[in-house]
Amino acid sequence: MRQVLRAAVDTLRERLPDDWEMSEDRPDRNTSVLRLRSPDEVEATVMVAARTTLESRDVATVREQLADAVAAVPGSAGLVVARYLASSVRERLTGAGLSFVDATGNIRVRVDRPALFVSDRGADRDPWRGPGRPRGTLNGEPAARVVRALLDHPGPWRIRRLVDVSGASTGSVYRVVDFLESESIVTRGSGGELSLPDWAMLLRRWSQDYQFARANTVTRWVAPRGVENFLSRVRDGSEDRYAVTGSVAANAWAPYAPARSAMVYAAEPRRAAEEWGLRETDTGANVILAEPVFEVLTERTMMVDGLVLAAPTQVAADLLTGPGRSPSEAEALIEWADRSPEFAAWKERNEQSQP
């Protein structure tokens, strides 16, 4: 812990403006009090809470501890330091109004008086995580299956039910759930049942690891007569192993702006492209075909206006990391889902269709 404190304090000292001073008191080996002095001799006291590691679920606890320490020294501020803080933990600390520093250089420190704001970017991965330790991500098919099960069905959940619905192995489900608990995305009730307080948080976290263009085999095509004509050919054609995603699908539920291109999952992209009259291209594509890396990406589809659309949750995930206005379209779709009886009814139908 002393090494963590030292590294974090040094990181902050290096990033302070040249005309600021900083001193440190250590009441004991695991705590620290920083005194920051501005050029006009105004001093701020910063109460430090040090952790070797910190997960999202720990933020509420450390916030309470710092609140007590800050209350004991009127006018002081609180600061969390750790060896490494993952991006999700940094976001949660910021949302909780806490400053933070980690030993890799991730830093966000705000003091109201004297006015100070310091922010910098360090490592995006824990450099101390050994090769034998879990990576702590939502990469891979088991994670995709568990995430889509949680997103597409109403809770609460038992592990056994989640195994059955997701089709993932029991061990995989436990690993994913443990990770989601560490991120405070799922919570466990007194009876052991799992709940999802904020489904959009899970969707956004999954989209950081699963990304449409990176995960799937993507090819780019031109529909010579435009997107609307292409969609008409899809409706009238015999190809049925597809699911429309992206802007076209999102506009079916939450119209945002006319779609300038189409994104479609296709089991056999080249055969589908031939039937739909597409021409492959390196530039100027208005149709993107993706061979799905996992079957679950095209499960629980919906038929809307003669088109097979990917699940609303999958469409939102595909848009969140897309270019241009795609993330805004994703947020509009999430807002629609939050208030839509149609989305709630779709989840209920998914549940009823399970054996």
Protein backbone atom coordinates (compact mmCIF):
# COMPACT_ATOMS: atom_id res chain seq x y z
CA MET A 1 0.00 0.00 0.00
CA ARG A 2 2.86 2.39 0.72
CA GLN A 3 4.13 1.89 -2.84
CA VAL A 4 0.66 2.67 -4.20
CA LEU A 5 0.49 5.87 -2.18
CA ARG A 6 3.97 6.91 -3.23
CA ALA A 7 3.35 6.27 -6.93
CA ALA A 8 0.01 8.10 -6.92
CA VAL A 9 1.35 11.08 -4.98
CA ASP A 10 4.31 11.33 -7.36
CA THR A 11 1.94 11.16 -10.33
CA LEU A 12 -0.07 14.09 -8.99
CA ARG A 13 3.02 16.10 -8.07
CA GLU A 14 4.41 15.75 -11.59
CA ARG A 15 1.20 17.08 -13.11
CA LEU A 16 0.61 20.05 -10.84
CA PRO A 17 1.27 23.47 -12.37
CA ASP A 18 4.85 24.59 -11.77
CA ASP A 19 3.81 27.40 -9.41
CA TRP A 20 1.83 25.10 -7.10
CA GLU A 21 3.29 23.38 -4.04
CA MET A 22 2.32 20.09 -2.45
CA SER A 23 3.24 18.58 0.90
CA GLU A 24 2.18 15.31 2.47
CA ASP A 25 1.37 14.05 5.95
CA ARG A 26 1.02 10.34 6.71
CA PRO A 27 -0.90 9.61 9.90
CA ASP A 28 -0.15 5.91 9.32
CA ARG A 29 1.34 3.70 6.64
CA ASN A 30 -1.90 3.34 4.66
CA THR A 31 -3.33 6.85 4.75
CA SER A 32 -2.22 10.23 3.52
CA VAL A 33 -3.23 13.87 3.77
CA LEU A 34 -2.11 16.19 0.97
CA ARG A 35 -1.81 19.95 1.27
CA LEU A 36 -1.94 21.85 -1.99
CA ARG A 37 -0.86 25.50 -2.03
CA SER A 38 -1.70 27.83 -4.92
CA PRO A 39 0.52 30.72 -6.08
CA ASP A 40 -1.60 33.16 -4.05
CA GLU A 41 -0.95 31.15 -0.86
CA VAL A 42 -4.39 29.55 -0.61
CA GLU A 43 -4.15 26.03 0.78
CA ALA A 44 -6.39 23.01 0.20
CA THR A 45 -6.41 19.84 2.29
CA VAL A 46 -6.99 16.60 0.40
CA MET A 47 -7.94 13.45 2.29
CA VAL A 48 -6.62 10.36 0.51
CA ALA A 49 -8.20 6.91 0.46
CA ALA A 50 -5.69 4.36 -0.86
CA ARG A 51 -6.50 0.93 -2.29
CA THR A 52 -4.31 -1.60 -3.99
CA THR A 53 -7.24 -2.48 -6.26
CA LEU A 54 -10.66 -0.95 -6.65
CA GLU A 55 -13.70 -2.32 -8.46
CA SER A 56 -16.92 -0.57 -9.41
CA ARG A 57 -18.84 -2.20 -6.58
CA ASP A 58 -16.37 -0.70 -4.07
CA VAL A 59 -16.98 2.92 -5.10
CA ALA A 60 -19.98 3.46 -2.81
CA THR A 61 -18.02 2.20 0.20
CA VAL A 62 -14.95 4.32 -0.45
CA ARG A 63 -17.17 7.36 -1.06
CA GLU A 64 -18.73 6.92 2.39
CA GLN A 65 -15.32 6.55 4.00
CA LEU A 66 -14.03 9.70 2.34
CA ALA A 67 -17.20 11.58 3.24
CA ASP A 68 -16.50 10.92 6.91
CA ALA A 69 -12.85 11.99 6.56
CA VAL A 70 -13.77 15.16 4.66
CA ALA A 71 -16.49 16.05 7.16
CA ALA A 72 -13.88 15.92 9.94
CA VAL A 73 -11.79 18.59 8.16
CA PRO A 74 -14.13 21.34 6.92
CA GLY A 75 -13.23 22.62 3.47
CA SER A 76 -11.18 19.56 2.55
CA ALA A 77 -11.60 17.36 -0.53
CA GLY A 78 -11.41 13.61 -1.09
CA LEU A 79 -9.10 11.68 -3.37
CA VAL A 80 -9.01 7.96 -4.27
CA VAL A 81 -5.67 6.42 -5.23
CA ALA A 82 -5.00 2.90 -6.44
CA ARG A 83 -2.46 0.89 -8.35
CA TYR A 84 -4.75 0.79 -11.40
CA LEU A 85 -8.29 2.05 -12.06
CA ALA A 86 -10.22 0.54 -14.97
CA SER A 87 -12.15 2.90 -17.23
CA SER A 88 -15.49 1.76 -15.80
CA VAL A 89 -14.23 2.47 -12.27
CA ARG A 90 -12.97 5.90 -13.31
CA GLU A 91 -16.36 6.71 -14.79
CA ARG A 92 -18.11 5.64 -11.60
CA LEU A 93 -15.73 7.67 -9.42
CA THR A 94 -16.35 10.72 -11.59
CA GLY A 95 -20.10 10.18 -11.34
CA ALA A 96 -19.74 9.98 -7.55
CA GLY A 97 -17.92 13.33 -7.51
CA LEU A 98 -14.61 11.82 -6.43
CA SER A 99 -11.14 12.72 -7.59
CA PHE A 100 -8.76 9.88 -8.42
CA VAL A 101 -5.17 9.04 -9.32
CA ASP A 102 -3.68 5.69 -10.25
CA ALA A 103 -0.06 4.65 -10.56
CA THR A 104 -0.25 4.37 -14.37
CA GLY A 105 -1.10 8.06 -14.79
CA ASN A 106 -4.88 8.04 -14.97
CA ILE A 107 -5.80 11.16 -13.05
CA ARG A 108 -8.74 13.46 -12.51
CA VAL A 109 -8.38 15.82 -9.57
CA ARG A 110 -10.77 18.67 -8.85
CA VAL A 111 -10.49 21.08 -5.95
CA ASP A 112 -12.89 24.00 -5.61
CA ARG A 113 -10.77 26.24 -3.40
CA PRO A 114 -8.17 27.04 -4.47
CA ALA A 115 -9.52 26.23 -7.94
CA LEU A 116 -7.64 23.32 -9.48
CA PHE A 117 -8.45 20.79 -12.16
CA VAL A 118 -5.91 18.20 -13.34
CA SER A 119 -6.72 15.46 -15.84
CA ASP A 120 -4.53 13.02 -17.73
CA ARG A 121 -4.69 9.58 -19.33
CA GLY A 122 -2.63 6.61 -18.24
CA ALA A 123 -2.89 2.91 -19.08
CA ASP A 124 -6.08 1.35 -20.45
CA ARG A 125 -5.14 -2.09 -19.10
CA ASP A 126 -3.84 -3.22 -15.76
CA PRO A 127 -0.08 -3.72 -16.24
CA TRP A 128 0.05 -5.81 -13.05
CA ARG A 129 -2.50 -8.38 -14.22
CA GLY A 130 -0.62 -11.63 -14.69
CA PRO A 131 -1.17 -13.91 -17.68
CA GLY A 132 -2.90 -16.52 -15.56
CA ARG A 133 -5.54 -14.16 -14.17
CA PRO A 134 -8.95 -13.60 -15.78
CA ARG A 135 -8.95 -10.77 -18.25
CA GLY A 136 -12.12 -9.25 -16.90
CA THR A 137 -13.88 -8.48 -20.19
CA LEU A 138 -17.07 -9.35 -22.01
CA ASN A 139 -15.27 -10.70 -25.06
CA GLY A 140 -16.27 -14.01 -26.59
CA GLU A 141 -19.40 -16.02 -27.32
CA PRO A 142 -20.24 -17.11 -23.74
CA ALA A 143 -20.26 -13.48 -22.60
CA ALA A 144 -22.36 -12.47 -25.63
CA ARG A 145 -24.88 -15.21 -24.80
CA VAL A 146 -25.15 -14.21 -21.15
CA VAL A 147 -25.40 -10.51 -21.94
CA ARG A 148 -28.09 -10.99 -24.57
CA ALA A 149 -30.05 -13.26 -22.24
CA LEU A 150 -29.99 -10.61 -19.51
CA LEU A 151 -30.92 -7.85 -21.96
CA ASP A 152 -33.63 -9.74 -23.84
CA HIS A 153 -35.57 -11.32 -20.96
CA PRO A 154 -37.19 -9.88 -17.85
CA GLY A 155 -35.51 -10.59 -14.51
CA PRO A 156 -34.84 -11.42 -11.76
CA TRP A 157 -32.59 -14.38 -12.51
CA ARG A 158 -31.30 -17.55 -10.95
CA ILE A 159 -28.01 -18.91 -12.26
CA ARG A 160 -29.68 -22.12 -13.41
CA ARG A 161 -32.23 -20.17 -15.43
CA LEU A 162 -29.50 -17.98 -16.93
CA VAL A 163 -27.59 -21.10 -18.00
CA ASP A 164 -30.70 -22.52 -19.66
CA VAL A 165 -31.70 -19.32 -21.46
CA SER A 166 -28.23 -18.26 -22.57
CA GLY A 167 -27.02 -21.69 -23.68
CA ALA A 168 -23.62 -20.94 -22.12
CA SER A 169 -21.88 -23.40 -19.81
CA THR A 170 -22.41 -23.13 -16.08
CA GLY A 171 -18.76 -22.15 -15.54
CA SER A 172 -18.97 -19.43 -18.19
CA VAL A 173 -22.15 -18.01 -16.67
CA TYR A 174 -20.56 -17.84 -13.22
CA ARG A 175 -17.48 -16.10 -14.62
CA VAL A 176 -19.53 -13.53 -16.51
CA VAL A 177 -21.82 -12.90 -13.54
CA ASP A 178 -18.84 -12.49 -11.21
CA PHE A 179 -17.40 -9.89 -13.57
CA LEU A 180 -20.74 -8.06 -13.87
CA GLU A 181 -21.07 -8.02 -10.09
CA SER A 182 -17.56 -6.57 -9.77
CA GLU A 183 -18.66 -3.80 -12.17
CA SER A 184 -21.88 -3.21 -10.17
CA ILE A 185 -23.91 -3.99 -13.28
CA VAL A 186 -25.84 -6.88 -11.77
CA THR A 187 -26.80 -7.15 -8.12
CA ARG A 188 -27.60 -10.17 -5.99
CA GLY A 189 -30.60 -10.21 -3.67
CA SER A 190 -30.80 -11.75 -0.22
CA GLY A 191 -32.20 -14.92 -1.75
CA GLY A 192 -29.42 -15.17 -4.30
CA GLU A 193 -31.45 -13.98 -7.28
CA LEU A 194 -29.75 -11.65 -9.78
CA SER A 195 -31.23 -8.40 -11.01
CA LEU A 196 -30.22 -5.82 -13.60
CA PRO A 197 -30.89 -2.33 -12.20
CA ASP A 198 -29.82 -0.51 -15.37
CA TRP A 199 -29.94 -2.60 -18.55
CA ALA A 200 -28.43 0.20 -20.64
CA MET A 201 -25.31 0.12 -18.43
CA LEU A 202 -24.83 -3.54 -19.36
CA LEU A 203 -25.41 -2.76 -23.03
CA ARG A 204 -22.83 0.02 -23.02
CA ARG A 205 -20.29 -2.09 -21.14
CA TRP A 206 -20.69 -4.99 -23.57
CA SER A 207 -20.28 -2.67 -26.55
CA GLN A 208 -16.80 -1.74 -25.30
CA ASP A 209 -15.66 -5.32 -25.91
CA TYR A 210 -17.98 -6.49 -28.68
CA GLN A 211 -17.84 -4.12 -31.64
CA PHE A 212 -19.76 -4.79 -34.86
CA ALA A 213 -17.01 -3.97 -37.36
CA ARG A 214 -14.22 -5.55 -35.34
CA ALA A 215 -15.87 -8.77 -34.17
CA ASN A 216 -17.64 -9.83 -37.37
CA THR A 217 -16.35 -10.53 -40.88
CA VAL A 218 -17.45 -7.38 -42.69
CA THR A 219 -17.62 -6.70 -46.43
CA ARG A 220 -18.67 -3.46 -48.15
CA TRP A 221 -20.99 -3.16 -51.11
CA VAL A 222 -22.81 -0.68 -53.34
CA ALA A 223 -26.53 -0.91 -54.00
CA PRO A 224 -26.62 0.91 -57.37
CA ARG A 225 -30.20 2.19 -56.96
CA GLY A 226 -29.82 3.26 -53.36
CA VAL A 227 -30.73 1.99 -49.94
CA GLU A 228 -34.53 2.01 -50.33
CA ASN A 229 -34.39 -0.04 -53.52
CA PHE A 230 -31.99 -2.44 -51.82
CA LEU A 231 -34.40 -2.93 -48.92
CA SER A 232 -37.22 -3.64 -51.36
CA ARG A 233 -35.10 -6.37 -52.95
CA VAL A 234 -34.42 -7.83 -49.51
CA ARG A 235 -38.16 -7.91 -48.77
CA ASP A 236 -39.04 -9.53 -52.09
CA GLY A 237 -36.10 -11.95 -52.30
CA SER A 238 -35.83 -15.57 -51.24
CA GLU A 239 -32.81 -15.04 -48.96
CA ASP A 240 -34.03 -15.48 -45.38
CA ARG A 241 -30.83 -16.01 -43.38
CA TYR A 242 -30.28 -12.36 -42.59
CA ALA A 243 -31.07 -9.70 -39.99
CA VAL A 244 -31.02 -5.97 -40.62
CA THR A 245 -29.24 -3.91 -37.96
CA GLY A 246 -27.84 -0.38 -37.68
CA SER A 247 -29.69 2.79 -38.72
CA VAL A 248 -32.34 1.07 -40.85
CA ALA A 249 -33.41 -1.18 -37.97
CA ALA A 250 -33.23 1.58 -35.36
CA ASN A 251 -35.49 3.82 -37.46
CA ALA A 252 -38.20 1.17 -37.34
CA TRP A 253 -38.61 1.87 -33.62
CA ALA A 254 -36.97 5.23 -32.90
CA PRO A 255 -36.80 7.35 -36.08
CA TYR A 256 -33.75 9.59 -35.95
CA ALA A 257 -32.79 10.55 -39.51
CA PRO A 258 -33.07 8.92 -42.94
CA ALA A 259 -30.65 6.01 -43.21
CA ARG A 260 -27.75 6.72 -45.53
CA SER A 261 -26.51 3.12 -45.49
CA ALA A 262 -27.66 -0.33 -44.46
CA MET A 263 -25.99 -2.82 -42.12
CA VAL A 264 -27.10 -6.43 -42.47
CA TYR A 265 -26.06 -9.67 -40.83
CA ALA A 266 -25.97 -12.40 -43.49
CA ALA A 267 -25.11 -16.06 -42.96
CA GLU A 268 -23.66 -16.25 -46.50
CA PRO A 269 -22.82 -12.67 -47.47
CA ARG A 270 -21.65 -13.29 -51.03
CA ARG A 271 -24.65 -15.38 -51.98
CA ALA A 272 -26.94 -12.78 -50.42
CA ALA A 273 -25.12 -9.95 -52.23
CA GLU A 274 -25.62 -11.69 -55.55
CA GLU A 275 -29.35 -12.09 -54.97
CA TRP A 276 -29.70 -8.49 -53.82
CA GLY A 277 -27.80 -7.07 -56.79
CA LEU A 278 -24.88 -5.61 -54.82
CA ARG A 279 -21.42 -4.76 -56.13
CA GLU A 280 -18.40 -5.11 -53.85
CA THR A 281 -16.38 -1.94 -53.30
CA ASP A 282 -13.55 -0.48 -51.28
CA THR A 283 -14.97 3.05 -51.23
CA GLY A 284 -18.40 4.64 -51.29
CA ALA A 285 -20.26 1.66 -49.84
CA ASN A 286 -23.90 2.09 -48.91
CA VAL A 287 -24.43 -1.50 -47.74
CA ILE A 288 -22.36 -3.39 -45.17
CA LEU A 289 -22.79 -7.13 -44.88
CA ALA A 290 -21.50 -8.90 -41.78
CA GLU A 291 -21.11 -12.63 -41.32
CA PRO A 292 -22.05 -12.97 -37.62
CA VAL A 293 -19.23 -14.21 -35.44
CA PHE A 294 -21.75 -15.71 -32.97
CA GLU A 295 -25.19 -17.18 -33.66
CA VAL A 296 -26.71 -15.25 -30.75
CA LEU A 297 -26.22 -11.98 -32.64
CA THR A 298 -29.08 -12.95 -34.95
CA GLU A 299 -31.36 -14.58 -32.41
CA ARG A 300 -34.69 -13.14 -31.17
CA THR A 301 -35.24 -11.17 -34.36
CA MET A 302 -38.39 -9.16 -35.14
CA MET A 303 -40.33 -8.89 -38.41
CA VAL A 304 -41.16 -5.25 -39.12
CA ASP A 305 -42.55 -3.94 -42.41
CA GLY A 306 -41.49 -7.07 -44.25
CA LEU A 307 -37.88 -7.00 -43.01
CA VAL A 308 -36.21 -9.29 -40.48
CA LEU A 309 -34.63 -6.95 -37.94
CA ALA A 310 -32.02 -7.88 -35.37
CA ALA A 311 -33.12 -7.64 -31.76
CA PRO A 312 -33.42 -4.02 -30.55
CA THR A 313 -30.73 -4.69 -27.95
CA GLN A 314 -28.37 -5.99 -30.65
CA VAL A 315 -29.11 -3.03 -32.91
CA ALA A 316 -28.27 -0.61 -30.09
CA ALA A 317 -25.02 -2.44 -29.34
CA ASP A 318 -24.04 -2.36 -33.01
CA LEU A 319 -24.65 1.38 -33.22
CA LEU A 320 -22.94 2.39 -29.97
CA THR A 321 -19.45 2.01 -31.40
CA GLY A 322 -20.27 2.95 -34.98
CA PRO A 323 -19.09 6.03 -36.87
CA GLY A 324 -20.73 9.43 -37.26
CA ARG A 325 -24.20 9.72 -35.81
CA SER A 326 -24.44 6.00 -34.94
CA PRO A 327 -23.92 6.47 -31.15
CA SER A 328 -26.66 9.14 -31.11
CA GLU A 329 -29.00 6.75 -32.90
CA ALA A 330 -28.15 4.12 -30.29
CA GLU A 331 -29.05 6.49 -27.46
CA ALA A 332 -32.35 7.35 -29.15
CA LEU A 333 -33.13 3.63 -29.42
CA ILE A 334 -32.26 3.10 -25.74
CA GLU A 335 -34.61 5.95 -24.78
CA TRP A 336 -37.37 4.37 -26.87
CA ALA A 337 -36.86 1.01 -25.19
CA ASP A 338 -36.99 2.55 -21.72
CA ARG A 339 -40.51 3.86 -22.27
CA SER A 340 -41.90 1.50 -24.90
CA PRO A 341 -44.60 -1.08 -24.10
CA GLU A 342 -43.59 -2.78 -27.36
CA PHE A 343 -40.08 -3.42 -26.04
CA ALA A 344 -41.44 -4.76 -22.73
CA ALA A 345 -43.86 -7.01 -24.62
CA TRP A 346 -41.03 -8.31 -26.81
CA LYS A 347 -39.07 -9.31 -23.70
CA GLU A 348 -42.12 -11.08 -22.31
CA ARG A 349 -42.56 -12.99 -25.57
CA ASN A 350 -38.93 -14.07 -25.40
CA GLU A 351 -39.52 -15.40 -21.90
CA GLN A 352 -42.68 -17.28 -22.89
CA SER A 353 -40.95 -18.89 -25.86
CA GLN A 354 -38.37 -20.57 -23.60
CA PRO A 355 -39.00 -24.25 -22.79
